[in-house]
Amino acid sequence: MTMKIGIIIETNDAEKVWNALRLGITSLAKGHETRIFLLGKGVELEEIGDEKFDVKNKLTQFLKEKGEILACGTCLKLRGKDTVELCPVSTMADLLKLVEESDRIISIG
């Protein structure tokens, strides 16, 4: 049985983000529709550079496997950013929709 999995990332901690992306990749490999919502410090995902926890590699793999990522527009603006290259800028309404449509929600932060 396939499921809709929602992962909310609220941290810029390299190990936690790396593990969240690994979970997303594993979920996609099992045929589950998987979406990630970046919230708070999570919108800093593209800036994470860590030799031990290769977030950029896992991010590329997640997107290659057709995972979807959304980023909180307000959280971006609070950090002086307008956009994130890898995904659309989103709203709380988009996060609510992700929660309503998902069979399971995991929050990592």
C-alpha atoms as a PDB file:
ATOM      1  CA  MET A   1       0.000   0.000   0.000  1.00  0.00           C
ATOM      2  CA  THR A   2       1.481   3.337  -0.994  1.00  0.00           C
ATOM      3  CA  MET A   3       1.180   6.333   1.265  1.00  0.00           C
ATOM      4  CA  LYS A   4       1.593  10.091   1.132  1.00  0.00           C
ATOM      5  CA  ILE A   5       4.432  11.071   3.449  1.00  0.00           C
ATOM      6  CA  GLY A   6       5.051  14.653   4.589  1.00  0.00           C
ATOM      7  CA  ILE A   7       8.367  15.613   6.179  1.00  0.00           C
ATOM      8  CA  ILE A   8       8.701  18.979   7.892  1.00  0.00           C
ATOM      9  CA  ILE A   9      12.303  20.107   8.377  1.00  0.00           C
ATOM     10  CA  GLU A  10      12.731  22.884  10.951  1.00  0.00           C
ATOM     11  CA  THR A  11      16.499  22.768  11.449  1.00  0.00           C
ATOM     12  CA  ASN A  12      19.755  23.542   9.681  1.00  0.00           C
ATOM     13  CA  ASP A  13      21.625  20.877  11.671  1.00  0.00           C
ATOM     14  CA  ALA A  14      23.547  18.890   9.034  1.00  0.00           C
ATOM     15  CA  GLU A  15      23.045  15.445  10.585  1.00  0.00           C
ATOM     16  CA  LYS A  16      19.311  15.908  11.181  1.00  0.00           C
ATOM     17  CA  VAL A  17      18.704  17.258   7.662  1.00  0.00           C
ATOM     18  CA  TRP A  18      20.838  14.478   6.162  1.00  0.00           C
ATOM     19  CA  ASN A  19      18.755  11.876   8.010  1.00  0.00           C
ATOM     20  CA  ALA A  20      15.488  13.549   6.963  1.00  0.00           C
ATOM     21  CA  LEU A  21      16.584  13.399   3.324  1.00  0.00           C
ATOM     22  CA  ARG A  22      17.653   9.762   3.711  1.00  0.00           C
ATOM     23  CA  LEU A  23      14.180   8.961   5.070  1.00  0.00           C
ATOM     24  CA  GLY A  24      12.621  10.791   2.123  1.00  0.00           C
ATOM     25  CA  ILE A  25      14.765   8.877  -0.374  1.00  0.00           C
ATOM     26  CA  THR A  26      13.882   5.562   1.274  1.00  0.00           C
ATOM     27  CA  SER A  27      10.199   6.488   1.217  1.00  0.00           C
ATOM     28  CA  LEU A  28      10.341   7.334  -2.495  1.00  0.00           C
ATOM     29  CA  ALA A  29      12.165   4.069  -3.227  1.00  0.00           C
ATOM     30  CA  LYS A  30       9.248   2.197  -1.611  1.00  0.00           C
ATOM     31  CA  GLY A  31       6.815   3.988  -3.944  1.00  0.00           C
ATOM     32  CA  HIS A  32       5.432   6.514  -1.479  1.00  0.00           C
ATOM     33  CA  GLU A  33       4.635  10.056  -2.582  1.00  0.00           C
ATOM     34  CA  THR A  34       6.976  12.153  -0.456  1.00  0.00           C
ATOM     35  CA  ARG A  35       7.026  15.917   0.083  1.00  0.00           C
ATOM     36  CA  ILE A  36       9.279  18.013   2.302  1.00  0.00           C
ATOM     37  CA  PHE A  37       8.327  21.392   3.733  1.00  0.00           C
ATOM     38  CA  LEU A  38      11.170  23.638   4.896  1.00  0.00           C
ATOM     39  CA  LEU A  39      10.181  25.735   7.895  1.00  0.00           C
ATOM     40  CA  GLY A  40      12.203  28.047  10.168  1.00  0.00           C
ATOM     41  CA  LYS A  41      15.921  27.268   9.948  1.00  0.00           C
ATOM     42  CA  GLY A  42      15.047  24.488   7.498  1.00  0.00           C
ATOM     43  CA  VAL A  43      14.915  27.061   4.672  1.00  0.00           C
ATOM     44  CA  GLU A  44      18.723  27.314   5.042  1.00  0.00           C
ATOM     45  CA  LEU A  45      19.036  23.782   3.600  1.00  0.00           C
ATOM     46  CA  GLU A  46      20.988  24.824   0.480  1.00  0.00           C
ATOM     47  CA  GLU A  47      23.665  26.484   2.615  1.00  0.00           C
ATOM     48  CA  ILE A  48      24.497  23.430   4.719  1.00  0.00           C
ATOM     49  CA  GLY A  49      28.040  22.302   4.033  1.00  0.00           C
ATOM     50  CA  ASP A  50      29.371  19.404   6.061  1.00  0.00           C
ATOM     51  CA  GLU A  51      31.988  16.841   5.035  1.00  0.00           C
ATOM     52  CA  LYS A  52      30.594  14.067   7.225  1.00  0.00           C
ATOM     53  CA  PHE A  53      26.921  14.617   6.351  1.00  0.00           C
ATOM     54  CA  ASP A  54      26.709  15.355   2.621  1.00  0.00           C
ATOM     55  CA  VAL A  55      23.362  17.151   2.556  1.00  0.00           C
ATOM     56  CA  LYS A  56      23.832  18.429  -1.009  1.00  0.00           C
ATOM     57  CA  ASN A  57      24.291  14.887  -2.341  1.00  0.00           C
ATOM     58  CA  LYS A  58      21.207  13.597  -0.515  1.00  0.00           C
ATOM     59  CA  LEU A  59      19.217  16.627  -1.672  1.00  0.00           C
ATOM     60  CA  THR A  60      20.159  15.945  -5.293  1.00  0.00           C
ATOM     61  CA  GLN A  61      19.209  12.289  -4.873  1.00  0.00           C
ATOM     62  CA  PHE A  62      15.834  13.165  -3.293  1.00  0.00           C
ATOM     63  CA  LEU A  63      14.949  15.507  -6.156  1.00  0.00           C
ATOM     64  CA  LYS A  64      16.201  13.028  -8.776  1.00  0.00           C
ATOM     65  CA  GLU A  65      13.811  10.426  -7.329  1.00  0.00           C
ATOM     66  CA  LYS A  66      10.917  12.894  -7.877  1.00  0.00           C
ATOM     67  CA  GLY A  67      10.590  14.097  -4.300  1.00  0.00           C
ATOM     68  CA  GLU A  68       8.963  17.507  -3.869  1.00  0.00           C
ATOM     69  CA  ILE A  69      10.261  20.316  -1.651  1.00  0.00           C
ATOM     70  CA  LEU A  70       8.436  23.481  -0.551  1.00  0.00           C
ATOM     71  CA  ALA A  71       9.930  26.394   1.431  1.00  0.00           C
ATOM     72  CA  CYS A  72       8.174  28.815   3.782  1.00  0.00           C
ATOM     73  CA  GLY A  73       8.185  32.288   2.211  1.00  0.00           C
ATOM     74  CA  THR A  74       7.921  34.092   5.553  1.00  0.00           C
ATOM     75  CA  CYS A  75      10.873  32.116   6.952  1.00  0.00           C
ATOM     76  CA  LEU A  76      12.897  33.028   3.861  1.00  0.00           C
ATOM     77  CA  LYS A  77      12.048  36.732   4.203  1.00  0.00           C
ATOM     78  CA  LEU A  78      13.070  36.708   7.882  1.00  0.00           C
ATOM     79  CA  ARG A  79      16.495  35.571   6.676  1.00  0.00           C
ATOM     80  CA  GLY A  80      16.724  38.194   3.921  1.00  0.00           C
ATOM     81  CA  LYS A  81      16.010  35.744   1.099  1.00  0.00           C
ATOM     82  CA  ASP A  82      13.419  35.930  -1.643  1.00  0.00           C
ATOM     83  CA  THR A  83      13.783  32.460  -3.146  1.00  0.00           C
ATOM     84  CA  VAL A  84      15.297  29.019  -2.834  1.00  0.00           C
ATOM     85  CA  GLU A  85      16.711  27.616  -6.070  1.00  0.00           C
ATOM     86  CA  LEU A  86      15.516  24.075  -5.539  1.00  0.00           C
ATOM     87  CA  CYS A  87      11.846  24.671  -4.796  1.00  0.00           C
ATOM     88  CA  PRO A  88       8.891  27.035  -4.893  1.00  0.00           C
ATOM     89  CA  VAL A  89       8.292  29.584  -2.161  1.00  0.00           C
ATOM     90  CA  SER A  90       5.228  28.475  -0.220  1.00  0.00           C
ATOM     91  CA  THR A  91       2.807  29.589   2.476  1.00  0.00           C
ATOM     92  CA  MET A  92       1.180  28.251   5.626  1.00  0.00           C
ATOM     93  CA  ALA A  93      -1.795  27.351   3.427  1.00  0.00           C
ATOM     94  CA  ASP A  94       0.548  25.084   1.424  1.00  0.00           C
ATOM     95  CA  LEU A  95       1.834  23.500   4.638  1.00  0.00           C
ATOM     96  CA  LEU A  96      -1.727  22.949   5.833  1.00  0.00           C
ATOM     97  CA  LYS A  97      -2.575  21.309   2.501  1.00  0.00           C
ATOM     98  CA  LEU A  98       0.465  19.024   2.849  1.00  0.00           C
ATOM     99  CA  VAL A  99      -0.693  18.034   6.353  1.00  0.00           C
ATOM    100  CA  GLU A 100      -4.304  17.472   5.233  1.00  0.00           C
ATOM    101  CA  GLU A 101      -3.284  15.364   2.227  1.00  0.00           C
ATOM    102  CA  SER A 102      -0.606  13.271   3.937  1.00  0.00           C
ATOM    103  CA  ASP A 103      -1.163   9.890   5.527  1.00  0.00           C
ATOM    104  CA  ARG A 104       1.819  10.465   7.828  1.00  0.00           C
ATOM    105  CA  ILE A 105       3.694  13.604   8.912  1.00  0.00           C
ATOM    106  CA  ILE A 106       7.180  13.566  10.360  1.00  0.00           C
ATOM    107  CA  SER A 107       8.670  16.712  11.862  1.00  0.00           C
ATOM    108  CA  ILE A 108      12.446  16.960  12.216  1.00  0.00           C
ATOM    109  CA  GLY A 109      13.855  19.910  14.048  1.00  0.00           C
END
